[in-house]
Amino acid sequence: MLATDSLGRSLAQFLLSRINEDEALARQAYEESAAADPQTADSNSAEVLHTARHSPARVLISCEAKRQIVQNTLDADPDQVTELFALEPQGASDLPREQTVTEMQFFERVLRYLAVTYADHPDYEMQWRP
């Protein structure tokens, strides 16, 4: 069972909502940038390079990747996940048992790390921190 907030919303629902917001804003920015005049700024400036790295097109790709991670977590079949995790990396059997995590704990941890980028959002729950 994935973590929920005080209203019973899941961490996955929170993430999907934030991803949808990011995607909508990126689509709007993409459409606006297509209609804008080209800038005459120095193409090697840090600002231009930063903006290019975080372009709407790149954000849209990132949104889809995050959405797939969340959806795959929600769709995880515990039996198949167990088979995947049965392949222990070399040396893993030497770890104390309390340092290992269950499969679903692993997936939840991934979602917690994805969600931390939205920690400044009013709906973010501190209990979701990794």
C-alpha atoms as a PDB file:
ATOM      1  CA  MET A   1       0.000   0.000   0.000  1.00  0.00           C
ATOM      2  CA  LEU A   2       1.434   3.341  -1.021  1.00  0.00           C
ATOM      3  CA  ALA A   3       1.608   6.276   1.372  1.00  0.00           C
ATOM      4  CA  THR A   4      -1.426   8.526   1.679  1.00  0.00           C
ATOM      5  CA  ASP A   5      -1.942  12.019   3.038  1.00  0.00           C
ATOM      6  CA  SER A   6      -4.361  13.101   5.759  1.00  0.00           C
ATOM      7  CA  LEU A   7      -7.207  13.152   3.213  1.00  0.00           C
ATOM      8  CA  GLY A   8      -6.478   9.645   1.954  1.00  0.00           C
ATOM      9  CA  ARG A   9      -4.934  10.766  -1.329  1.00  0.00           C
ATOM     10  CA  SER A  10      -2.078   8.605  -2.420  1.00  0.00           C
ATOM     11  CA  LEU A  11       1.426   9.713  -3.131  1.00  0.00           C
ATOM     12  CA  ALA A  12       0.891   8.408  -6.661  1.00  0.00           C
ATOM     13  CA  GLN A  13      -2.204  10.596  -7.121  1.00  0.00           C
ATOM     14  CA  PHE A  14      -0.274  13.600  -5.838  1.00  0.00           C
ATOM     15  CA  LEU A  15       2.563  12.919  -8.278  1.00  0.00           C
ATOM     16  CA  LEU A  16       0.250  12.414 -11.249  1.00  0.00           C
ATOM     17  CA  SER A  17      -1.474  15.723 -10.488  1.00  0.00           C
ATOM     18  CA  ARG A  18       1.845  17.593 -10.311  1.00  0.00           C
ATOM     19  CA  ILE A  19       3.065  15.922 -13.511  1.00  0.00           C
ATOM     20  CA  ASN A  20      -0.146  16.955 -15.271  1.00  0.00           C
ATOM     21  CA  GLU A  21       0.359  20.547 -14.079  1.00  0.00           C
ATOM     22  CA  ASP A  22       3.963  20.552 -15.325  1.00  0.00           C
ATOM     23  CA  GLU A  23       2.852  19.124 -18.646  1.00  0.00           C
ATOM     24  CA  ALA A  24       0.090  21.706 -19.133  1.00  0.00           C
ATOM     25  CA  LEU A  25       2.475  24.564 -18.392  1.00  0.00           C
ATOM     26  CA  ALA A  26       5.137  23.127 -20.704  1.00  0.00           C
ATOM     27  CA  ARG A  27       2.614  22.728 -23.526  1.00  0.00           C
ATOM     28  CA  GLN A  28       1.522  26.336 -23.094  1.00  0.00           C
ATOM     29  CA  ALA A  29       5.139  27.521 -23.059  1.00  0.00           C
ATOM     30  CA  TYR A  30       5.894  25.415 -26.123  1.00  0.00           C
ATOM     31  CA  GLU A  31       3.018  26.975 -28.041  1.00  0.00           C
ATOM     32  CA  GLU A  32       3.996  30.481 -26.955  1.00  0.00           C
ATOM     33  CA  SER A  33       7.657  29.959 -27.838  1.00  0.00           C
ATOM     34  CA  ALA A  34       6.728  28.734 -31.311  1.00  0.00           C
ATOM     35  CA  ALA A  35       4.967  32.046 -31.935  1.00  0.00           C
ATOM     36  CA  ALA A  36       7.702  34.245 -30.415  1.00  0.00           C
ATOM     37  CA  ASP A  37      10.447  36.061 -32.294  1.00  0.00           C
ATOM     38  CA  PRO A  38      13.901  34.474 -32.062  1.00  0.00           C
ATOM     39  CA  GLN A  39      16.047  35.963 -29.308  1.00  0.00           C
ATOM     40  CA  THR A  40      19.300  37.660 -30.091  1.00  0.00           C
ATOM     41  CA  ALA A  41      20.931  36.663 -26.794  1.00  0.00           C
ATOM     42  CA  ASP A  42      24.410  35.198 -26.654  1.00  0.00           C
ATOM     43  CA  SER A  43      23.880  31.514 -27.439  1.00  0.00           C
ATOM     44  CA  ASN A  44      26.644  30.522 -24.999  1.00  0.00           C
ATOM     45  CA  SER A  45      25.263  32.403 -22.002  1.00  0.00           C
ATOM     46  CA  ALA A  46      24.349  30.350 -18.957  1.00  0.00           C
ATOM     47  CA  GLU A  47      20.781  31.636 -19.101  1.00  0.00           C
ATOM     48  CA  VAL A  48      20.296  30.527 -22.706  1.00  0.00           C
ATOM     49  CA  LEU A  49      21.891  27.140 -22.038  1.00  0.00           C
ATOM     50  CA  HIS A  50      19.796  26.644 -18.903  1.00  0.00           C
ATOM     51  CA  THR A  51      16.618  27.594 -20.744  1.00  0.00           C
ATOM     52  CA  ALA A  52      17.441  25.179 -23.554  1.00  0.00           C
ATOM     53  CA  ARG A  53      18.078  22.376 -21.093  1.00  0.00           C
ATOM     54  CA  HIS A  54      14.690  23.007 -19.478  1.00  0.00           C
ATOM     55  CA  SER A  55      12.815  23.671 -22.673  1.00  0.00           C
ATOM     56  CA  PRO A  56       9.111  22.838 -22.869  1.00  0.00           C
ATOM     57  CA  ALA A  57       9.875  19.921 -25.182  1.00  0.00           C
ATOM     58  CA  ARG A  58      12.283  18.428 -22.667  1.00  0.00           C
ATOM     59  CA  VAL A  59       9.833  18.970 -19.807  1.00  0.00           C
ATOM     60  CA  LEU A  60       7.145  17.145 -21.784  1.00  0.00           C
ATOM     61  CA  ILE A  61       9.464  14.160 -22.220  1.00  0.00           C
ATOM     62  CA  SER A  62      10.286  14.239 -18.514  1.00  0.00           C
ATOM     63  CA  CYS A  63       6.593  14.361 -17.603  1.00  0.00           C
ATOM     64  CA  GLU A  64       5.873  11.282 -19.677  1.00  0.00           C
ATOM     65  CA  ALA A  65       8.807   9.397 -18.152  1.00  0.00           C
ATOM     66  CA  LYS A  66       7.670  10.249 -14.618  1.00  0.00           C
ATOM     67  CA  ARG A  67       4.092   9.320 -15.469  1.00  0.00           C
ATOM     68  CA  GLN A  68       5.281   5.913 -16.690  1.00  0.00           C
ATOM     69  CA  ILE A  69       7.246   5.335 -13.476  1.00  0.00           C
ATOM     70  CA  VAL A  70       4.184   6.130 -11.359  1.00  0.00           C
ATOM     71  CA  GLN A  71       1.863   4.059 -13.540  1.00  0.00           C
ATOM     72  CA  ASN A  72       4.218   1.078 -13.541  1.00  0.00           C
ATOM     73  CA  THR A  73       4.348   1.292  -9.757  1.00  0.00           C
ATOM     74  CA  LEU A  74       0.560   1.293  -9.554  1.00  0.00           C
ATOM     75  CA  ASP A  75       0.337  -1.601 -12.020  1.00  0.00           C
ATOM     76  CA  ALA A  76       3.049  -3.684 -10.350  1.00  0.00           C
ATOM     77  CA  ASP A  77       2.108  -7.335 -10.011  1.00  0.00           C
ATOM     78  CA  PRO A  78       3.563  -8.458  -6.680  1.00  0.00           C
ATOM     79  CA  ASP A  79       4.331 -11.929  -8.067  1.00  0.00           C
ATOM     80  CA  GLN A  80       6.301 -10.583 -11.014  1.00  0.00           C
ATOM     81  CA  VAL A  81       8.038  -8.030  -8.822  1.00  0.00           C
ATOM     82  CA  THR A  82       9.116 -10.795  -6.456  1.00  0.00           C
ATOM     83  CA  GLU A  83      10.685 -12.675  -9.368  1.00  0.00           C
ATOM     84  CA  LEU A  84      12.588  -9.550 -10.389  1.00  0.00           C
ATOM     85  CA  PHE A  85      13.894  -8.979  -6.881  1.00  0.00           C
ATOM     86  CA  ALA A  86      14.746 -12.655  -6.397  1.00  0.00           C
ATOM     87  CA  LEU A  87      17.860 -11.986  -8.462  1.00  0.00           C
ATOM     88  CA  GLU A  88      20.033 -10.681  -5.646  1.00  0.00           C
ATOM     89  CA  PRO A  89      23.063  -8.632  -6.561  1.00  0.00           C
ATOM     90  CA  GLN A  90      26.336 -10.144  -5.467  1.00  0.00           C
ATOM     91  CA  GLY A  91      26.872  -9.501  -1.787  1.00  0.00           C
ATOM     92  CA  ALA A  92      23.235  -8.646  -1.055  1.00  0.00           C
ATOM     93  CA  SER A  93      22.788 -11.808   0.983  1.00  0.00           C
ATOM     94  CA  ASP A  94      25.508 -10.518   3.322  1.00  0.00           C
ATOM     95  CA  LEU A  95      23.431  -7.469   4.277  1.00  0.00           C
ATOM     96  CA  PRO A  96      21.568  -7.545   7.565  1.00  0.00           C
ATOM     97  CA  ARG A  97      17.895  -8.245   6.819  1.00  0.00           C
ATOM     98  CA  GLU A  98      16.720  -4.924   8.289  1.00  0.00           C
ATOM     99  CA  GLN A  99      18.733  -3.085   5.615  1.00  0.00           C
ATOM    100  CA  THR A 100      16.873  -4.718   2.761  1.00  0.00           C
ATOM    101  CA  VAL A 101      13.512  -3.492   1.539  1.00  0.00           C
ATOM    102  CA  THR A 102      10.485  -5.237   0.152  1.00  0.00           C
ATOM    103  CA  GLU A 103       9.583  -4.742  -3.462  1.00  0.00           C
ATOM    104  CA  MET A 104       6.706  -2.386  -2.749  1.00  0.00           C
ATOM    105  CA  GLN A 105       8.837  -0.415  -0.293  1.00  0.00           C
ATOM    106  CA  PHE A 106      11.314   0.035  -3.120  1.00  0.00           C
ATOM    107  CA  PHE A 107       8.635   1.349  -5.472  1.00  0.00           C
ATOM    108  CA  GLU A 108       7.278   3.662  -2.808  1.00  0.00           C
ATOM    109  CA  ARG A 109      10.772   4.979  -2.150  1.00  0.00           C
ATOM    110  CA  VAL A 110      11.135   5.796  -5.851  1.00  0.00           C
ATOM    111  CA  LEU A 111       7.868   7.751  -5.767  1.00  0.00           C
ATOM    112  CA  ARG A 112       8.956   9.588  -2.620  1.00  0.00           C
ATOM    113  CA  TYR A 113      12.134  10.717  -4.369  1.00  0.00           C
ATOM    114  CA  LEU A 114      10.148  11.850  -7.409  1.00  0.00           C
ATOM    115  CA  ALA A 115       7.741  13.754  -5.167  1.00  0.00           C
ATOM    116  CA  VAL A 116      10.409  15.635  -3.231  1.00  0.00           C
ATOM    117  CA  THR A 117      10.787  18.025  -6.172  1.00  0.00           C
ATOM    118  CA  TYR A 118       7.244  19.170  -5.364  1.00  0.00           C
ATOM    119  CA  ALA A 119       7.863  19.620  -1.627  1.00  0.00           C
ATOM    120  CA  ASP A 120       6.990  23.308  -1.908  1.00  0.00           C
ATOM    121  CA  HIS A 121       3.477  22.470  -3.163  1.00  0.00           C
ATOM    122  CA  PRO A 122       0.708  23.071  -0.596  1.00  0.00           C
ATOM    123  CA  ASP A 123      -0.633  19.517  -1.035  1.00  0.00           C
ATOM    124  CA  TYR A 124       2.738  17.898  -0.343  1.00  0.00           C
ATOM    125  CA  GLU A 125       2.768  15.951   2.911  1.00  0.00           C
ATOM    126  CA  MET A 126       5.917  15.998   5.023  1.00  0.00           C
ATOM    127  CA  GLN A 127       5.347  12.299   5.760  1.00  0.00           C
ATOM    128  CA  TRP A 128       6.160  11.624   2.096  1.00  0.00           C
ATOM    129  CA  ARG A 129       9.767  12.777   2.488  1.00  0.00           C
ATOM    130  CA  PRO A 130      12.222  10.008   1.600  1.00  0.00           C
END
